[in-house]
Protein backbone atom coordinates (compact mmCIF):
# COMPACT_ATOMS: atom_id res chain seq x y z
CA MET A 1 115.68 74.72 123.21
CA ARG A 2 113.27 77.33 124.35
CA ILE A 3 112.65 79.46 121.35
CA ILE A 4 111.03 82.80 120.85
CA PHE A 5 109.85 83.41 117.48
CA MET A 6 109.79 87.02 116.13
CA GLY A 7 107.85 87.51 112.80
CA THR A 8 104.75 89.35 111.30
CA PRO A 9 103.78 88.93 107.70
CA GLU A 10 102.87 86.06 105.67
CA PHE A 11 106.31 85.46 104.52
CA ALA A 12 107.26 84.58 108.46
CA CYS A 13 104.54 81.75 108.61
CA PRO A 14 106.33 78.87 107.02
CA THR A 15 109.17 79.30 109.08
CA LEU A 16 107.11 79.16 112.52
CA GLN A 17 105.07 76.56 111.19
CA LYS A 18 108.54 74.51 110.54
CA LEU A 19 109.52 75.09 113.87
CA ILE A 20 105.99 73.95 115.29
CA ASP A 21 106.07 70.65 112.86
CA ARG A 22 109.73 69.94 114.41
CA LYS A 23 108.13 70.34 117.77
CA GLU A 24 110.55 72.79 118.86
CA GLU A 25 109.47 74.38 122.33
CA VAL A 26 108.37 77.64 121.14
CA VAL A 27 107.65 79.65 124.08
CA ALA A 28 106.23 82.58 122.52
CA VAL A 29 105.63 84.54 119.36
CA ILE A 30 106.24 88.32 119.44
CA THR A 31 104.55 90.25 116.19
CA GLN A 32 103.40 93.47 115.51
CA PRO A 33 100.28 95.10 116.76
CA ASP A 34 96.80 94.48 115.16
CA ARG A 35 96.70 97.38 112.63
CA PRO A 36 93.82 98.88 109.89
CA ARG A 37 94.27 97.20 106.42
CA GLY A 38 92.57 97.44 102.91
CA ARG A 39 89.86 99.55 101.54
CA GLY A 40 87.54 99.10 104.43
CA GLN A 41 90.60 99.78 107.00
CA GLN A 42 89.49 96.69 108.98
CA THR A 43 91.45 95.95 111.89
CA LEU A 44 93.27 92.55 111.25
CA SER A 45 95.73 90.50 112.84
CA PRO A 46 99.27 89.93 111.68
CA PRO A 47 99.37 86.40 109.71
CA VAL A 48 101.88 84.91 112.23
CA LYS A 49 99.48 86.04 115.34
CA VAL A 50 96.67 84.02 113.78
CA LEU A 51 99.14 81.05 113.16
CA ALA A 52 100.50 81.41 116.73
CA GLU A 53 97.01 81.25 118.15
CA GLN A 54 95.85 78.45 116.34
CA HIS A 55 98.49 76.19 117.90
CA GLY A 56 98.05 77.86 121.54
CA ILE A 57 101.50 79.55 121.33
CA PRO A 58 101.30 82.95 123.59
CA VAL A 59 101.72 85.97 121.54
CA MET A 60 102.86 89.33 122.40
CA GLN A 61 102.43 92.45 120.29
CA PRO A 62 104.81 95.32 121.64
CA VAL A 63 104.14 98.79 119.85
CA LYS A 64 108.03 99.08 120.36
CA VAL A 65 110.07 95.84 121.29
CA ARG A 66 113.28 98.33 122.41
CA VAL A 67 111.36 99.65 125.58
CA PRO A 68 112.94 98.52 128.95
CA GLU A 69 109.70 96.63 130.14
CA VAL A 70 109.21 94.77 127.08
CA VAL A 71 112.95 93.70 127.08
CA GLU A 72 112.53 92.69 130.64
CA SER A 73 109.31 90.58 129.85
CA ILE A 74 111.22 88.76 127.14
CA ARG A 75 114.33 87.94 129.55
CA GLU A 76 111.71 86.46 131.93
CA LEU A 77 110.63 84.01 129.37
CA ALA A 78 114.56 82.66 129.46
CA PRO A 79 114.90 81.93 125.84
CA ASP A 80 117.68 79.83 124.44
CA LEU A 81 117.50 81.15 121.25
CA ILE A 82 115.22 83.76 119.34
CA VAL A 83 114.70 83.36 116.00
CA VAL A 84 113.66 86.31 113.68
CA VAL A 85 111.83 86.49 110.16
CA ALA A 86 110.35 89.79 108.88
CA PHE A 87 109.39 91.27 112.46
CA GLY A 88 109.71 94.77 111.13
CA GLN A 89 111.40 96.46 114.03
CA ILE A 90 115.11 96.94 114.93
CA LEU A 91 116.24 94.70 117.95
CA PRO A 92 118.36 96.88 120.73
CA LYS A 93 121.30 95.40 121.98
CA SER A 94 119.64 94.49 125.14
CA LEU A 95 117.28 92.01 123.60
CA LEU A 96 120.03 90.58 121.18
CA ASP A 97 122.18 89.73 124.46
CA ILE A 98 119.55 87.78 126.16
CA PRO A 99 119.32 84.41 124.68
CA PRO A 100 122.78 82.32 125.27
CA TYR A 101 122.53 81.14 121.47
CA GLY A 102 121.95 84.41 119.95
CA CYS A 103 119.17 85.91 117.70
CA ILE A 104 119.17 84.02 114.32
CA ASN A 105 117.38 86.27 111.36
CA VAL A 106 116.21 84.35 108.06
CA HIS A 107 116.91 87.08 105.63
CA ALA A 108 115.41 87.28 101.92
CA SER A 109 118.54 87.87 99.92
CA LEU A 110 122.14 86.18 99.40
CA LEU A 111 123.79 88.40 102.04
CA PRO A 112 125.77 90.57 101.68
CA ARG A 113 124.22 91.63 98.22
CA TRP A 114 120.94 93.50 99.34
CA ARG A 115 120.48 94.61 103.30
CA GLY A 116 117.51 96.43 104.09
CA ALA A 117 113.69 96.29 104.09
CA ALA A 118 112.89 95.28 100.36
CA PRO A 119 115.19 92.88 98.94
CA LEU A 120 112.65 90.77 97.17
CA ASN A 121 111.80 93.94 95.41
CA TRP A 122 115.27 95.31 94.48
CA CYS A 123 116.99 92.02 93.38
CA ILE A 124 114.27 92.13 90.43
CA ILE A 125 114.43 95.62 89.63
CA ASP A 126 118.07 95.56 89.52
CA GLY A 127 118.04 92.63 87.27
CA ASP A 128 119.32 90.04 89.56
CA THR A 129 119.22 86.47 88.01
CA GLU A 130 119.50 84.53 91.02
CA THR A 131 118.84 84.97 94.96
CA GLY A 132 118.00 83.12 97.89
CA VAL A 133 117.92 83.25 101.65
CA THR A 134 120.50 83.64 104.25
CA THR A 135 120.30 82.61 107.97
CA MET A 136 122.61 84.88 109.87
CA MET A 137 123.41 86.11 113.50
CA MET A 138 121.79 89.34 114.25
CA ASP A 139 124.15 92.05 115.58
CA VAL A 140 123.21 95.96 116.24
CA GLY A 141 123.56 96.79 112.63
CA LEU A 142 121.08 96.30 109.78
CA ASP A 143 121.48 92.99 108.45
CA THR A 144 125.18 93.27 109.14
CA GLY A 145 125.57 90.15 111.24
CA ASP A 146 127.54 86.78 110.72
CA MET A 147 126.24 84.56 107.97
CA LEU A 148 125.48 80.95 108.74
CA LEU A 149 123.92 79.21 105.69
CA LYS A 150 122.61 79.96 102.18
CA LYS A 151 120.10 78.83 99.91
CA THR A 152 120.26 79.79 96.45
CA THR A 153 117.12 79.90 93.71
CA PRO A 154 117.43 81.34 89.98
CA ILE A 155 114.78 84.13 89.31
CA ASP A 156 112.51 83.48 86.19
CA PRO A 157 112.86 86.60 83.96
CA ASP A 158 108.89 86.88 83.81
CA GLU A 159 108.54 86.02 87.57
CA ASN A 160 107.31 88.99 90.11
CA THR A 161 107.75 89.59 93.57
CA GLN A 162 104.99 87.74 94.74
CA SER A 163 105.81 84.27 93.30
CA LEU A 164 109.31 84.98 94.31
CA HIS A 165 108.14 85.79 97.91
CA ASP A 166 106.20 82.72 97.97
CA ARG A 167 108.98 80.65 97.10
CA LEU A 168 111.51 82.19 99.06
CA SER A 169 109.50 81.80 102.34
CA ILE A 170 109.39 77.99 101.88
CA ILE A 171 113.02 77.85 101.28
CA GLY A 172 113.63 80.21 104.22
CA ALA A 173 112.02 77.75 106.40
CA ASP A 174 114.18 74.84 105.25
CA ALA A 175 117.28 76.91 105.62
CA LEU A 176 116.27 77.67 109.48
CA ALA A 177 115.44 74.12 109.97
CA GLU A 178 118.95 73.05 108.41
CA THR A 179 120.56 75.88 110.35
CA LEU A 180 119.07 74.60 113.79
CA ASP A 181 120.30 71.17 112.83
CA LEU A 182 124.00 72.48 112.41
CA LEU A 183 123.71 74.58 115.72
CA ASN A 184 122.49 71.44 117.73
CA ALA A 185 125.25 69.29 116.12
CA GLY A 186 127.68 72.03 116.94
CA LYS A 187 128.60 72.39 113.62
CA LEU A 188 127.45 75.79 112.82
CA VAL A 189 130.14 78.11 111.18
CA ARG A 190 129.71 81.74 110.89
CA GLU A 191 131.29 83.90 108.28
CA LYS A 192 131.77 87.50 108.19
CA GLN A 193 130.20 89.62 105.60
CA ASP A 194 132.06 92.04 102.95
CA ASP A 195 130.72 95.33 103.34
CA ALA A 196 132.18 96.31 99.94
CA LEU A 197 129.68 93.90 98.23
CA THR A 198 126.47 95.09 99.66
CA CYS A 199 123.47 97.19 98.44
CA TYR A 200 120.55 98.73 100.26
CA ALA A 201 117.20 97.69 99.64
CA SER A 202 115.38 100.55 100.72
CA MET A 203 111.52 100.58 101.63
CA LEU A 204 109.33 101.18 98.73
CA LYS A 205 107.19 104.33 98.20
CA LYS A 206 104.00 104.28 95.79
CA GLU A 207 105.86 107.06 94.00
CA ASP A 208 108.78 104.51 93.52
CA GLY A 209 106.39 102.93 90.54
CA LEU A 210 106.12 105.66 88.51
CA ILE A 211 107.89 104.39 85.39
CA ASP A 212 110.51 106.28 83.49
CA TRP A 213 109.82 106.03 79.84
CA SER A 214 113.26 107.09 78.99
CA ARG A 215 114.55 103.83 80.35
CA ASP A 216 115.59 100.89 78.40
CA PRO A 217 112.86 98.11 77.75
CA ARG A 218 114.53 95.75 80.18
CA SER A 219 114.60 98.21 83.06
CA VAL A 220 111.10 99.12 82.60
CA LYS A 221 110.04 95.28 82.71
CA ASN A 222 112.20 94.83 85.82
CA LEU A 223 110.73 97.63 87.63
CA VAL A 224 107.03 96.16 86.79
CA ARG A 225 108.16 92.71 87.76
CA GLY A 226 109.60 94.24 91.05
CA MET A 227 106.96 96.50 92.06
CA THR A 228 104.05 93.64 91.73
CA PRO A 229 101.82 93.18 93.61
CA TRP A 230 103.07 96.26 95.78
CA PRO A 231 103.63 98.99 95.56
CA GLY A 232 102.70 98.56 92.13
CA THR A 233 104.00 100.65 88.70
CA TYR A 234 102.04 103.13 86.98
CA THR A 235 102.10 105.96 84.23
CA PHE A 236 99.31 108.50 83.09
CA LEU A 237 97.55 108.79 80.12
CA ASP A 238 95.31 111.89 79.31
CA GLY A 239 95.85 113.03 83.10
CA LYS A 240 94.32 109.54 84.40
CA MET A 241 96.69 107.20 86.44
CA LEU A 242 97.13 103.88 84.42
CA LYS A 243 98.39 100.91 86.42
CA VAL A 244 100.82 98.62 84.57
CA TYR A 245 100.70 94.89 85.83
CA ARG A 246 102.72 92.92 83.11
CA VAL A 247 104.94 93.72 80.28
CA ARG A 248 107.08 92.00 77.52
CA ILE A 249 109.77 93.32 75.73
CA ALA A 250 109.79 94.36 72.04
CA GLU A 251 111.82 95.90 69.52
CA GLY A 252 109.47 99.07 68.38
CA GLU A 253 110.87 102.38 67.80
CA GLY A 254 109.52 105.92 68.93
CA GLU A 255 110.18 108.65 71.27
CA PRO A 256 110.02 107.34 74.91
CA GLY A 257 106.71 107.24 76.34
CA THR A 258 104.84 107.32 72.99
CA VAL A 259 102.19 104.85 72.20
CA ILE A 260 103.51 102.91 68.99
CA GLY A 261 100.84 100.32 68.75
CA ALA A 262 97.50 99.41 70.39
CA GLY A 263 95.37 96.40 69.82
CA ARG A 264 94.82 92.70 70.81
CA GLN A 265 98.44 92.16 71.35
CA GLY A 266 98.31 94.77 73.95
CA LEU A 267 99.66 98.43 74.23
CA GLU A 268 103.05 98.99 72.82
CA VAL A 269 105.02 102.01 74.23
CA ALA A 270 108.67 103.08 73.18
CA CYS A 271 111.50 103.19 75.62
CA ALA A 272 115.07 104.12 75.11
CA GLY A 273 116.26 101.88 72.58
CA GLY A 274 113.24 99.60 72.12
CA SER A 275 109.91 99.46 73.30
CA VAL A 276 107.53 97.12 75.78
CA ILE A 277 104.18 96.04 74.97
CA ILE A 278 101.72 96.38 77.85
CA GLU A 279 99.86 93.19 78.49
CA GLU A 280 97.94 93.59 81.89
CA LEU A 281 96.85 97.06 82.85
CA GLN A 282 93.93 99.18 84.66
CA LEU A 283 92.83 102.74 84.10
CA GLU A 284 91.90 104.87 86.74
CA GLY A 285 88.04 104.38 87.49
CA LYS A 286 88.25 101.10 85.11
CA LYS A 287 88.79 97.46 86.05
CA ARG A 288 92.05 95.78 85.76
CA LEU A 289 92.05 94.04 82.64
CA PRO A 290 94.34 92.17 80.01
CA ALA A 291 95.38 95.04 77.64
CA GLY A 292 93.90 93.53 74.26
CA ASP A 293 90.36 93.36 76.28
CA PHE A 294 90.72 97.01 77.47
CA LEU A 295 91.51 98.41 74.16
CA ALA A 296 88.50 96.82 72.63
CA GLY A 297 86.49 99.43 74.45
CA TYR A 298 88.86 102.32 74.85
CA LYS A 299 90.73 103.60 71.85
CA ILE A 300 94.17 104.90 72.48
CA ALA A 301 95.48 106.51 69.42
CA THR A 302 98.97 105.67 68.07
CA GLY A 303 100.96 108.81 68.90
CA ALA A 304 99.44 109.60 72.45
CA LYS A 305 102.06 110.36 75.28
CA LEU A 306 102.20 108.24 78.68
CA GLY A 307 104.26 110.10 81.44
CA HIS A 308 103.77 112.06 84.09
CA LYS A 309 100.24 113.12 85.10
CA ASP A 310 100.87 116.73 83.77
CA ALA A 311 102.57 115.41 80.51
CA ALA A 312 101.29 116.77 77.32
């Protein structure tokens, strides 16, 4: 089959590599435009573009894929199938209708549980104990198309979004390969989604990472895990931002947001119905460090308050 691959970030690369390894006829890769990234705002190519160019695959980078001239250029490539993995734009019906075998999406959740932009983060934040990948036929809705194949994996209680991302990117590539084998064999079965079972995994913003110490310890830990490495969780100490990278649950008592212990084991902070011990942190203007190392050179008194920037 003539396949067009649409994807942008690192998550999509294993699936593109799988298509290349299978010697599928990838006639083009469509990805997002090069954009400034990082502290230096250096203009960088999307990871999918880098991989495609390494293998001599033509690359298109439309600002908007829905404009008529872009849709027409895709139509001229006469794809039999379009494979979409974390592309980053909504596909219009005019594009979805082009390939005779449709558009297959590799989605990083067990549909219909999490639809939307950030399922990897939200399954951890919400305390799910398992997740996975679903391949689906795309329609004009947001992740509402018929499901094709699911691959499930447990979520370790201590893992963060980065490690889950890396694992699911590989699982997704395998799921797509199996989906193509079923398609080629004429054995692909479509299953409707139950809209009543779905949650919306909204795009995350930096302000979503502000820790609410009035939540229970597990909720605080899940937020830290689900927000690491991006957009990150934080609180404020003496008016300075304190980034929090790793915590463990403890059984201390105190007013939520109050420091109830500080030493080599870390910084213990009271929550609702317990406490957490911050194990890795970074105070504004300082290096990221294990909490014990940080506290060896920066004293935080028991009774100090963490919270909003303007908290007393």
